[in-house]
Amino acid sequence: MNRMDDRAGKGAEPQTRWLNDEQKDAFYTLMALIIEVDRSLDHQLTQNAGLSHFGYTALARLSEAENRSLRMSDLASTANGSLSRLSQVIAKLEKKGWVTRSADPDDGRYTVATLTDAGYDKVVATAPGHVEQVQKVLFDPLTKSQVQQIHTIGQRILKRIKEDDSK
């Protein structure tokens, strides 16, 4: 991300907007933060509940949905994963009896994932340890103002990404 030779010929492409030192530091810190928070949450969930962070997120999203059911495509989006990754995780959760899959009654082209009673019990049992880890690694080191700033900054970045994705 350092300023490198711009080998583009005259007028070929716009000049690269290289990151300055402050932006590089912020970028590297943000990337490390994303990776390390996910790693920490994944480790806690794996050790204490036998679930990956992504698997727990899928179960938790289902637990909050109407009738504890969501189309797989919607669940993938809200769990921040690809449909293929979600399908693999849901297959594992099905084997444990925590989720079922069926054709969407409103449109058979879609598959619906539904949280079972056993899956709901798993979320309820797992949530306290997970939330404690979130508090410990993410919120305890911050002031209330910093938490609000993270929310505001995150929403602004997500809005830009969604705008770019819709082009």
N, C-alpha and C. Protein backbone atom coordinates (compact mmCIF):
# COMPACT_ATOMS: atom_id res chain seq x y z
N MET A 1 0.81 -1.19 0.00
CA MET A 1 0.00 0.00 0.00
C MET A 1 0.85 1.25 0.00
N ASN A 2 2.15 1.05 -0.08
CA ASN A 2 3.04 2.19 -0.18
C ASN A 2 2.93 2.79 -1.57
N ARG A 3 3.38 4.01 -1.65
CA ARG A 3 3.39 4.66 -2.95
C ARG A 3 4.40 3.94 -3.83
N MET A 4 3.93 3.39 -4.92
CA MET A 4 4.79 2.65 -5.84
C MET A 4 4.78 3.38 -7.18
N ASP A 5 5.62 2.93 -8.06
CA ASP A 5 5.62 3.51 -9.40
C ASP A 5 4.25 3.33 -10.01
N ASP A 6 3.72 4.38 -10.55
CA ASP A 6 2.50 4.26 -11.33
C ASP A 6 2.95 4.02 -12.76
N ARG A 7 2.83 2.78 -13.20
CA ARG A 7 3.35 2.41 -14.51
C ARG A 7 2.34 2.65 -15.65
N ALA A 8 1.17 3.18 -15.25
CA ALA A 8 0.18 3.44 -16.29
C ALA A 8 0.72 4.54 -17.22
N GLY A 9 0.45 4.35 -18.47
CA GLY A 9 0.90 5.34 -19.46
C GLY A 9 0.12 6.63 -19.33
N LYS A 10 0.52 7.59 -20.13
CA LYS A 10 -0.15 8.88 -20.10
C LYS A 10 -1.63 8.72 -20.38
N GLY A 11 -2.45 9.19 -19.44
CA GLY A 11 -3.89 9.19 -19.62
C GLY A 11 -4.54 7.82 -19.60
N ALA A 12 -3.80 6.77 -19.28
CA ALA A 12 -4.36 5.42 -19.33
C ALA A 12 -5.42 5.20 -18.26
N GLU A 13 -5.10 5.49 -17.02
CA GLU A 13 -6.03 5.30 -15.92
C GLU A 13 -5.79 6.39 -14.89
N PRO A 14 -6.79 6.63 -14.03
CA PRO A 14 -6.57 7.63 -12.99
C PRO A 14 -5.42 7.21 -12.08
N GLN A 15 -4.72 8.18 -11.56
CA GLN A 15 -3.59 7.89 -10.69
C GLN A 15 -4.10 7.27 -9.39
N THR A 16 -3.35 6.29 -8.90
CA THR A 16 -3.70 5.58 -7.67
C THR A 16 -3.66 6.54 -6.48
N ARG A 17 -4.69 6.46 -5.66
CA ARG A 17 -4.74 7.26 -4.43
C ARG A 17 -4.13 6.44 -3.30
N TRP A 18 -2.81 6.51 -3.16
CA TRP A 18 -2.12 5.72 -2.15
C TRP A 18 -2.52 6.16 -0.76
N LEU A 19 -2.46 5.22 0.17
CA LEU A 19 -2.75 5.54 1.57
C LEU A 19 -1.60 6.31 2.17
N ASN A 20 -1.94 7.35 2.94
CA ASN A 20 -0.89 8.03 3.68
C ASN A 20 -0.59 7.21 4.94
N ASP A 21 0.42 7.62 5.70
CA ASP A 21 0.84 6.84 6.88
C ASP A 21 -0.30 6.67 7.88
N GLU A 22 -1.04 7.72 8.12
CA GLU A 22 -2.15 7.66 9.08
C GLU A 22 -3.22 6.68 8.59
N GLN A 23 -3.54 6.72 7.31
CA GLN A 23 -4.54 5.79 6.75
C GLN A 23 -4.04 4.35 6.79
N LYS A 24 -2.75 4.15 6.47
CA LYS A 24 -2.19 2.79 6.54
C LYS A 24 -2.28 2.24 7.95
N ASP A 25 -1.90 3.05 8.93
CA ASP A 25 -1.97 2.60 10.33
C ASP A 25 -3.41 2.25 10.71
N ALA A 26 -4.35 3.09 10.31
CA ALA A 26 -5.76 2.84 10.63
C ALA A 26 -6.25 1.57 9.92
N PHE A 27 -5.87 1.41 8.67
CA PHE A 27 -6.29 0.23 7.90
C PHE A 27 -5.76 -1.05 8.52
N TYR A 28 -4.46 -1.09 8.81
CA TYR A 28 -3.86 -2.29 9.39
C TYR A 28 -4.45 -2.59 10.77
N THR A 29 -4.72 -1.56 11.54
CA THR A 29 -5.34 -1.77 12.85
C THR A 29 -6.75 -2.32 12.70
N LEU A 30 -7.50 -1.78 11.77
CA LEU A 30 -8.87 -2.26 11.55
C LEU A 30 -8.86 -3.71 11.09
N MET A 31 -7.97 -4.06 10.17
CA MET A 31 -7.91 -5.45 9.70
C MET A 31 -7.53 -6.40 10.84
N ALA A 32 -6.57 -6.01 11.65
CA ALA A 32 -6.18 -6.83 12.81
C ALA A 32 -7.34 -6.95 13.79
N LEU A 33 -8.06 -5.87 14.01
CA LEU A 33 -9.20 -5.88 14.92
C LEU A 33 -10.27 -6.85 14.44
N ILE A 34 -10.61 -6.79 13.17
CA ILE A 34 -11.63 -7.69 12.62
C ILE A 34 -11.21 -9.14 12.79
N ILE A 35 -9.98 -9.43 12.44
CA ILE A 35 -9.48 -10.81 12.52
C ILE A 35 -9.42 -11.28 13.97
N GLU A 36 -8.89 -10.47 14.86
CA GLU A 36 -8.69 -10.89 16.25
C GLU A 36 -9.98 -10.98 17.04
N VAL A 37 -10.92 -10.08 16.81
CA VAL A 37 -12.22 -10.19 17.50
C VAL A 37 -12.91 -11.47 17.05
N ASP A 38 -12.94 -11.72 15.76
CA ASP A 38 -13.56 -12.95 15.26
C ASP A 38 -12.87 -14.19 15.83
N ARG A 39 -11.53 -14.17 15.85
CA ARG A 39 -10.76 -15.31 16.38
C ARG A 39 -11.08 -15.54 17.86
N SER A 40 -11.14 -14.47 18.63
CA SER A 40 -11.43 -14.58 20.05
C SER A 40 -12.83 -15.13 20.30
N LEU A 41 -13.80 -14.63 19.57
CA LEU A 41 -15.18 -15.11 19.72
C LEU A 41 -15.30 -16.55 19.24
N ASP A 42 -14.64 -16.87 18.15
CA ASP A 42 -14.67 -18.24 17.63
C ASP A 42 -14.05 -19.20 18.64
N HIS A 43 -12.93 -18.82 19.22
CA HIS A 43 -12.26 -19.67 20.21
C HIS A 43 -13.17 -19.92 21.42
N GLN A 44 -13.76 -18.87 21.95
CA GLN A 44 -14.64 -19.01 23.12
C GLN A 44 -15.81 -19.93 22.80
N LEU A 45 -16.43 -19.73 21.65
CA LEU A 45 -17.60 -20.55 21.29
C LEU A 45 -17.21 -22.01 21.03
N THR A 46 -16.08 -22.21 20.38
CA THR A 46 -15.62 -23.57 20.11
C THR A 46 -15.32 -24.31 21.42
N GLN A 47 -14.60 -23.63 22.31
CA GLN A 47 -14.22 -24.25 23.58
C GLN A 47 -15.42 -24.51 24.48
N ASN A 48 -16.34 -23.57 24.57
CA ASN A 48 -17.43 -23.66 25.54
C ASN A 48 -18.73 -24.23 24.99
N ALA A 49 -18.91 -24.21 23.68
CA ALA A 49 -20.20 -24.64 23.14
C ALA A 49 -20.08 -25.59 21.95
N GLY A 50 -18.86 -25.85 21.48
CA GLY A 50 -18.70 -26.72 20.33
C GLY A 50 -19.27 -26.14 19.05
N LEU A 51 -19.28 -24.82 18.95
CA LEU A 51 -19.82 -24.10 17.79
C LEU A 51 -18.78 -23.12 17.26
N SER A 52 -18.78 -22.93 15.95
CA SER A 52 -17.98 -21.85 15.38
C SER A 52 -18.73 -20.54 15.59
N HIS A 53 -18.03 -19.44 15.48
CA HIS A 53 -18.68 -18.13 15.58
C HIS A 53 -19.75 -17.99 14.50
N PHE A 54 -19.44 -18.43 13.30
CA PHE A 54 -20.41 -18.34 12.21
C PHE A 54 -21.63 -19.23 12.49
N GLY A 55 -21.40 -20.42 12.99
CA GLY A 55 -22.51 -21.32 13.32
C GLY A 55 -23.40 -20.74 14.40
N TYR A 56 -22.78 -20.18 15.43
CA TYR A 56 -23.57 -19.55 16.49
C TYR A 56 -24.35 -18.37 15.94
N THR A 57 -23.72 -17.56 15.10
CA THR A 57 -24.42 -16.41 14.51
C THR A 57 -25.64 -16.86 13.73
N ALA A 58 -25.52 -17.94 12.97
CA ALA A 58 -26.67 -18.46 12.21
C ALA A 58 -27.78 -18.89 13.17
N LEU A 59 -27.43 -19.63 14.22
CA LEU A 59 -28.44 -20.05 15.20
C LEU A 59 -29.09 -18.84 15.88
N ALA A 60 -28.27 -17.87 16.27
CA ALA A 60 -28.80 -16.69 16.95
C ALA A 60 -29.73 -15.89 16.04
N ARG A 61 -29.36 -15.75 14.77
CA ARG A 61 -30.24 -15.03 13.82
C ARG A 61 -31.56 -15.75 13.65
N LEU A 62 -31.52 -17.07 13.58
CA LEU A 62 -32.76 -17.84 13.48
C LEU A 62 -33.60 -17.68 14.75
N SER A 63 -32.95 -17.62 15.90
CA SER A 63 -33.69 -17.50 17.17
C SER A 63 -34.45 -16.18 17.25
N GLU A 64 -33.98 -15.17 16.54
CA GLU A 64 -34.60 -13.85 16.56
C GLU A 64 -35.63 -13.65 15.45
N ALA A 65 -35.68 -14.59 14.50
CA ALA A 65 -36.56 -14.45 13.34
C ALA A 65 -37.98 -14.89 13.67
N GLU A 66 -38.91 -14.36 12.92
CA GLU A 66 -40.31 -14.77 13.06
C GLU A 66 -40.41 -16.27 12.79
N ASN A 67 -41.10 -16.97 13.68
CA ASN A 67 -41.25 -18.43 13.59
C ASN A 67 -39.90 -19.16 13.60
N ARG A 68 -38.85 -18.46 14.03
CA ARG A 68 -37.50 -19.03 14.08
C ARG A 68 -37.08 -19.60 12.72
N SER A 69 -37.52 -18.96 11.65
CA SER A 69 -37.25 -19.43 10.29
C SER A 69 -36.82 -18.28 9.40
N LEU A 70 -35.89 -18.58 8.49
CA LEU A 70 -35.46 -17.62 7.47
C LEU A 70 -35.10 -18.38 6.20
N ARG A 71 -35.30 -17.72 5.07
CA ARG A 71 -34.76 -18.27 3.83
C ARG A 71 -33.25 -18.33 3.98
N MET A 72 -32.67 -19.36 3.41
CA MET A 72 -31.22 -19.54 3.51
C MET A 72 -30.48 -18.32 2.95
N SER A 73 -30.96 -17.76 1.86
CA SER A 73 -30.30 -16.59 1.27
C SER A 73 -30.34 -15.40 2.22
N ASP A 74 -31.46 -15.20 2.91
CA ASP A 74 -31.57 -14.11 3.87
C ASP A 74 -30.69 -14.38 5.09
N LEU A 75 -30.66 -15.62 5.53
CA LEU A 75 -29.83 -15.98 6.68
C LEU A 75 -28.35 -15.79 6.35
N ALA A 76 -27.94 -16.15 5.16
CA ALA A 76 -26.54 -15.95 4.76
C ALA A 76 -26.19 -14.47 4.83
N SER A 77 -27.09 -13.64 4.36
CA SER A 77 -26.85 -12.19 4.37
C SER A 77 -26.78 -11.66 5.80
N THR A 78 -27.71 -12.04 6.65
CA THR A 78 -27.71 -11.50 8.01
C THR A 78 -26.60 -12.10 8.87
N ALA A 79 -26.11 -13.29 8.50
CA ALA A 79 -25.01 -13.91 9.24
C ALA A 79 -23.66 -13.52 8.66
N ASN A 80 -23.69 -12.70 7.60
CA ASN A 80 -22.46 -12.21 6.96
C ASN A 80 -21.60 -13.33 6.39
N GLY A 81 -22.23 -14.21 5.64
CA GLY A 81 -21.49 -15.29 5.00
C GLY A 81 -22.08 -15.62 3.65
N SER A 82 -21.37 -16.42 2.89
CA SER A 82 -21.87 -16.83 1.59
C SER A 82 -22.91 -17.93 1.76
N LEU A 83 -23.72 -18.10 0.76
CA LEU A 83 -24.74 -19.15 0.79
C LEU A 83 -24.10 -20.53 0.84
N SER A 84 -22.99 -20.72 0.12
CA SER A 84 -22.34 -22.04 0.14
C SER A 84 -21.75 -22.33 1.52
N ARG A 85 -21.13 -21.35 2.14
CA ARG A 85 -20.59 -21.55 3.50
C ARG A 85 -21.72 -21.85 4.47
N LEU A 86 -22.81 -21.08 4.36
CA LEU A 86 -23.95 -21.30 5.25
C LEU A 86 -24.51 -22.70 5.06
N SER A 87 -24.63 -23.15 3.82
CA SER A 87 -25.18 -24.49 3.55
C SER A 87 -24.36 -25.57 4.25
N GLN A 88 -23.04 -25.43 4.22
CA GLN A 88 -22.18 -26.40 4.90
C GLN A 88 -22.39 -26.37 6.41
N VAL A 89 -22.49 -25.18 6.98
CA VAL A 89 -22.68 -25.05 8.42
C VAL A 89 -24.06 -25.56 8.83
N ILE A 90 -25.08 -25.22 8.07
CA ILE A 90 -26.44 -25.67 8.39
C ILE A 90 -26.53 -27.19 8.32
N ALA A 91 -25.83 -27.80 7.38
CA ALA A 91 -25.82 -29.27 7.30
C ALA A 91 -25.28 -29.86 8.61
N LYS A 92 -24.22 -29.28 9.16
CA LYS A 92 -23.67 -29.76 10.43
C LYS A 92 -24.66 -29.52 11.58
N LEU A 93 -25.31 -28.38 11.56
CA LEU A 93 -26.28 -28.07 12.62
C LEU A 93 -27.51 -28.97 12.53
N GLU A 94 -27.87 -29.35 11.31
CA GLU A 94 -28.98 -30.29 11.11
C GLU A 94 -28.65 -31.64 11.75
N LYS A 95 -27.42 -32.11 11.54
CA LYS A 95 -27.01 -33.40 12.10
C LYS A 95 -27.09 -33.41 13.62
N LYS A 96 -26.93 -32.24 14.23
CA LYS A 96 -27.02 -32.14 15.69
C LYS A 96 -28.45 -31.94 16.16
N GLY A 97 -29.37 -31.80 15.22
CA GLY A 97 -30.78 -31.63 15.56
C GLY A 97 -31.17 -30.22 15.94
N TRP A 98 -30.33 -29.25 15.59
CA TRP A 98 -30.59 -27.86 15.98
C TRP A 98 -31.31 -27.06 14.91
N VAL A 99 -31.30 -27.53 13.67
CA VAL A 99 -31.91 -26.82 12.55
C VAL A 99 -32.54 -27.84 11.61
N THR A 100 -33.61 -27.44 10.95
CA THR A 100 -34.16 -28.23 9.85
C THR A 100 -34.22 -27.34 8.61
N ARG A 101 -34.22 -27.99 7.45
CA ARG A 101 -34.37 -27.26 6.19
C ARG A 101 -35.58 -27.81 5.46
N SER A 102 -36.29 -26.92 4.78
CA SER A 102 -37.46 -27.32 4.00
C SER A 102 -37.67 -26.32 2.88
N ALA A 103 -38.49 -26.71 1.92
CA ALA A 103 -38.84 -25.80 0.83
C ALA A 103 -39.69 -24.66 1.39
N ASP A 104 -39.46 -23.47 0.89
CA ASP A 104 -40.26 -22.31 1.29
C ASP A 104 -41.69 -22.53 0.83
N PRO A 105 -42.67 -22.51 1.74
CA PRO A 105 -44.06 -22.74 1.34
C PRO A 105 -44.61 -21.66 0.41
N ASP A 106 -44.02 -20.46 0.46
CA ASP A 106 -44.48 -19.36 -0.39
C ASP A 106 -43.83 -19.39 -1.77
N ASP A 107 -42.66 -20.00 -1.86
CA ASP A 107 -41.95 -20.05 -3.14
C ASP A 107 -40.95 -21.20 -3.07
N GLY A 108 -41.31 -22.31 -3.66
CA GLY A 108 -40.52 -23.54 -3.58
C GLY A 108 -39.13 -23.44 -4.15
N ARG A 109 -38.79 -22.34 -4.80
CA ARG A 109 -37.43 -22.18 -5.32
C ARG A 109 -36.44 -21.89 -4.21
N TYR A 110 -36.95 -21.52 -3.05
CA TYR A 110 -36.10 -21.17 -1.92
C TYR A 110 -36.14 -22.26 -0.86
N THR A 111 -35.07 -22.31 -0.07
CA THR A 111 -35.00 -23.22 1.07
C THR A 111 -35.06 -22.39 2.34
N VAL A 112 -35.82 -22.88 3.31
CA VAL A 112 -35.97 -22.21 4.59
C VAL A 112 -35.25 -23.02 5.67
N ALA A 113 -34.50 -22.33 6.49
CA ALA A 113 -33.88 -22.94 7.67
C ALA A 113 -34.74 -22.59 8.87
N THR A 114 -34.99 -23.58 9.71
CA THR A 114 -35.81 -23.37 10.90
C THR A 114 -35.07 -23.90 12.12
N LEU A 115 -35.04 -23.10 13.15
CA LEU A 115 -34.40 -23.48 14.41
C LEU A 115 -35.34 -24.42 15.16
N THR A 116 -34.83 -25.56 15.58
CA THR A 116 -35.63 -26.51 16.36
C THR A 116 -35.65 -26.06 17.83
N ASP A 117 -36.50 -26.70 18.63
CA ASP A 117 -36.51 -26.40 20.06
C ASP A 117 -35.14 -26.69 20.67
N ALA A 118 -34.51 -27.79 20.25
CA ALA A 118 -33.17 -28.13 20.76
C ALA A 118 -32.16 -27.06 20.34
N GLY A 119 -32.30 -26.53 19.12
CA GLY A 119 -31.42 -25.45 18.66
C GLY A 119 -31.63 -24.18 19.46
N TYR A 120 -32.88 -23.88 19.77
CA TYR A 120 -33.17 -22.71 20.59
C TYR A 120 -32.56 -22.87 21.98
N ASP A 121 -32.69 -24.06 22.55
CA ASP A 121 -32.09 -24.33 23.86
C ASP A 121 -30.57 -24.16 23.80
N LYS A 122 -29.96 -24.55 22.68
CA LYS A 122 -28.51 -24.39 22.51
C LYS A 122 -28.12 -22.91 22.49
N VAL A 123 -28.90 -22.10 21.77
CA VAL A 123 -28.63 -20.66 21.73
C VAL A 123 -28.76 -20.07 23.13
N VAL A 124 -29.82 -20.41 23.83
CA VAL A 124 -30.05 -19.87 25.18
C VAL A 124 -28.91 -20.27 26.13
N ALA A 125 -28.45 -21.51 26.02
CA ALA A 125 -27.36 -21.97 26.88
C ALA A 125 -26.02 -21.34 26.51
N THR A 126 -25.82 -21.03 25.24
CA THR A 126 -24.55 -20.51 24.75
C THR A 126 -24.43 -19.00 24.89
N ALA A 127 -25.54 -18.30 24.81
CA ALA A 127 -25.54 -16.84 24.78
C ALA A 127 -24.80 -16.17 25.94
N PRO A 128 -24.98 -16.59 27.19
CA PRO A 128 -24.29 -15.87 28.28
C PRO A 128 -22.76 -15.85 28.13
N GLY A 129 -22.15 -16.97 27.80
CA GLY A 129 -20.70 -17.01 27.63
C GLY A 129 -20.25 -16.18 26.44
N HIS A 130 -21.03 -16.24 25.37
CA HIS A 130 -20.69 -15.46 24.17
C HIS A 130 -20.77 -13.97 24.45
N VAL A 131 -21.85 -13.54 25.09
CA VAL A 131 -22.04 -12.12 25.38
C VAL A 131 -20.95 -11.63 26.34
N GLU A 132 -20.57 -12.46 27.29
CA GLU A 132 -19.50 -12.07 28.22
C GLU A 132 -18.19 -11.86 27.46
N GLN A 133 -17.91 -12.72 26.48
CA GLN A 133 -16.68 -12.57 25.69
C GLN A 133 -16.75 -11.31 24.83
N VAL A 134 -17.91 -11.01 24.26
CA VAL A 134 -18.08 -9.78 23.48
C VAL A 134 -17.83 -8.57 24.38
N GLN A 135 -18.42 -8.59 25.58
CA GLN A 135 -18.20 -7.48 26.52
C GLN A 135 -16.72 -7.33 26.83
N LYS A 136 -16.07 -8.45 27.13
CA LYS A 136 -14.67 -8.45 27.56
C LYS A 136 -13.73 -7.91 26.48
N VAL A 137 -13.87 -8.43 25.25
CA VAL A 137 -12.89 -8.06 24.22
C VAL A 137 -13.25 -6.80 23.45
N LEU A 138 -14.53 -6.46 23.39
CA LEU A 138 -14.92 -5.35 22.53
C LEU A 138 -15.35 -4.11 23.31
N PHE A 139 -16.15 -4.27 24.34
CA PHE A 139 -16.72 -3.10 24.99
C PHE A 139 -16.03 -2.67 26.28
N ASP A 140 -15.48 -3.60 27.06
CA ASP A 140 -14.83 -3.22 28.31
C ASP A 140 -13.67 -2.24 28.12
N PRO A 141 -12.88 -2.36 27.05
CA PRO A 141 -11.76 -1.41 26.89
C PRO A 141 -12.18 0.00 26.44
N LEU A 142 -13.48 0.19 26.13
CA LEU A 142 -13.92 1.44 25.53
C LEU A 142 -14.82 2.25 26.46
N THR A 143 -14.84 3.56 26.21
CA THR A 143 -15.80 4.43 26.88
C THR A 143 -17.13 4.36 26.13
N LYS A 144 -18.18 4.87 26.76
CA LYS A 144 -19.49 4.91 26.10
C LYS A 144 -19.41 5.73 24.81
N SER A 145 -18.68 6.81 24.84
CA SER A 145 -18.51 7.66 23.66
C SER A 145 -17.80 6.90 22.53
N GLN A 146 -16.79 6.12 22.88
CA GLN A 146 -16.07 5.34 21.87
C GLN A 146 -16.95 4.26 21.26
N VAL A 147 -17.81 3.65 22.06
CA VAL A 147 -18.76 2.65 21.54
C VAL A 147 -19.68 3.32 20.52
N GLN A 148 -20.18 4.50 20.85
CA GLN A 148 -21.05 5.23 19.93
C GLN A 148 -20.30 5.59 18.65
N GLN A 149 -19.02 5.96 18.78
CA GLN A 149 -18.21 6.29 17.61
C GLN A 149 -18.03 5.08 16.71
N ILE A 150 -17.76 3.93 17.31
CA ILE A 150 -17.62 2.70 16.51
C ILE A 150 -18.90 2.44 15.73
N HIS A 151 -20.03 2.59 16.40
CA HIS A 151 -21.31 2.36 15.72
C HIS A 151 -21.49 3.33 14.56
N THR A 152 -21.25 4.59 14.80
CA THR A 152 -21.41 5.62 13.77
C THR A 152 -20.46 5.37 12.60
N ILE A 153 -19.21 5.11 12.90
CA ILE A 153 -18.21 4.86 11.85
C ILE A 153 -18.57 3.60 11.07
N GLY A 154 -18.92 2.54 11.78
CA GLY A 154 -19.29 1.29 11.12
C GLY A 154 -20.48 1.47 10.18
N GLN A 155 -21.50 2.18 10.64
CA GLN A 155 -22.68 2.41 9.80
C GLN A 155 -22.32 3.21 8.55
N ARG A 156 -21.45 4.17 8.71
CA ARG A 156 -21.05 5.01 7.57
C ARG A 156 -20.29 4.18 6.53
N ILE A 157 -19.38 3.32 7.01
CA ILE A 157 -18.61 2.47 6.09
C ILE A 157 -19.53 1.46 5.41
N LEU A 158 -20.42 0.83 6.19
CA LEU A 158 -21.36 -0.14 5.60
C LEU A 158 -22.26 0.51 4.57
N LYS A 159 -22.70 1.73 4.83
CA LYS A 159 -23.54 2.44 3.86
C LYS A 159 -22.79 2.63 2.54
N ARG A 160 -21.52 3.02 2.61
CA ARG A 160 -20.72 3.22 1.39
C ARG A 160 -20.55 1.91 0.63
N ILE A 161 -20.28 0.83 1.37
CA ILE A 161 -20.12 -0.47 0.72
C ILE A 161 -21.40 -0.88 0.01
N LYS A 162 -22.54 -0.69 0.68
CA LYS A 162 -23.82 -1.05 0.06
C LYS A 162 -24.11 -0.20 -1.16
N GLU A 163 -23.76 1.08 -1.09
CA GLU A 163 -23.92 1.97 -2.25
C GLU A 163 -23.07 1.48 -3.42
N ASP A 164 -21.82 1.13 -3.13
CA ASP A 164 -20.91 0.65 -4.18
C ASP A 164 -21.39 -0.68 -4.75
N ASP A 165 -21.90 -1.56 -3.88
CA ASP A 165 -22.38 -2.87 -4.34
C ASP A 165 -23.61 -2.76 -5.23
N SER A 166 -24.39 -1.69 -5.04
CA SER A 166 -25.62 -1.55 -5.83
C SER A 166 -25.38 -0.93 -7.20
N LYS A 167 -24.15 -0.53 -7.47
CA LYS A 167 -23.83 0.10 -8.77
C LYS A 167 -23.62 -0.96 -9.83
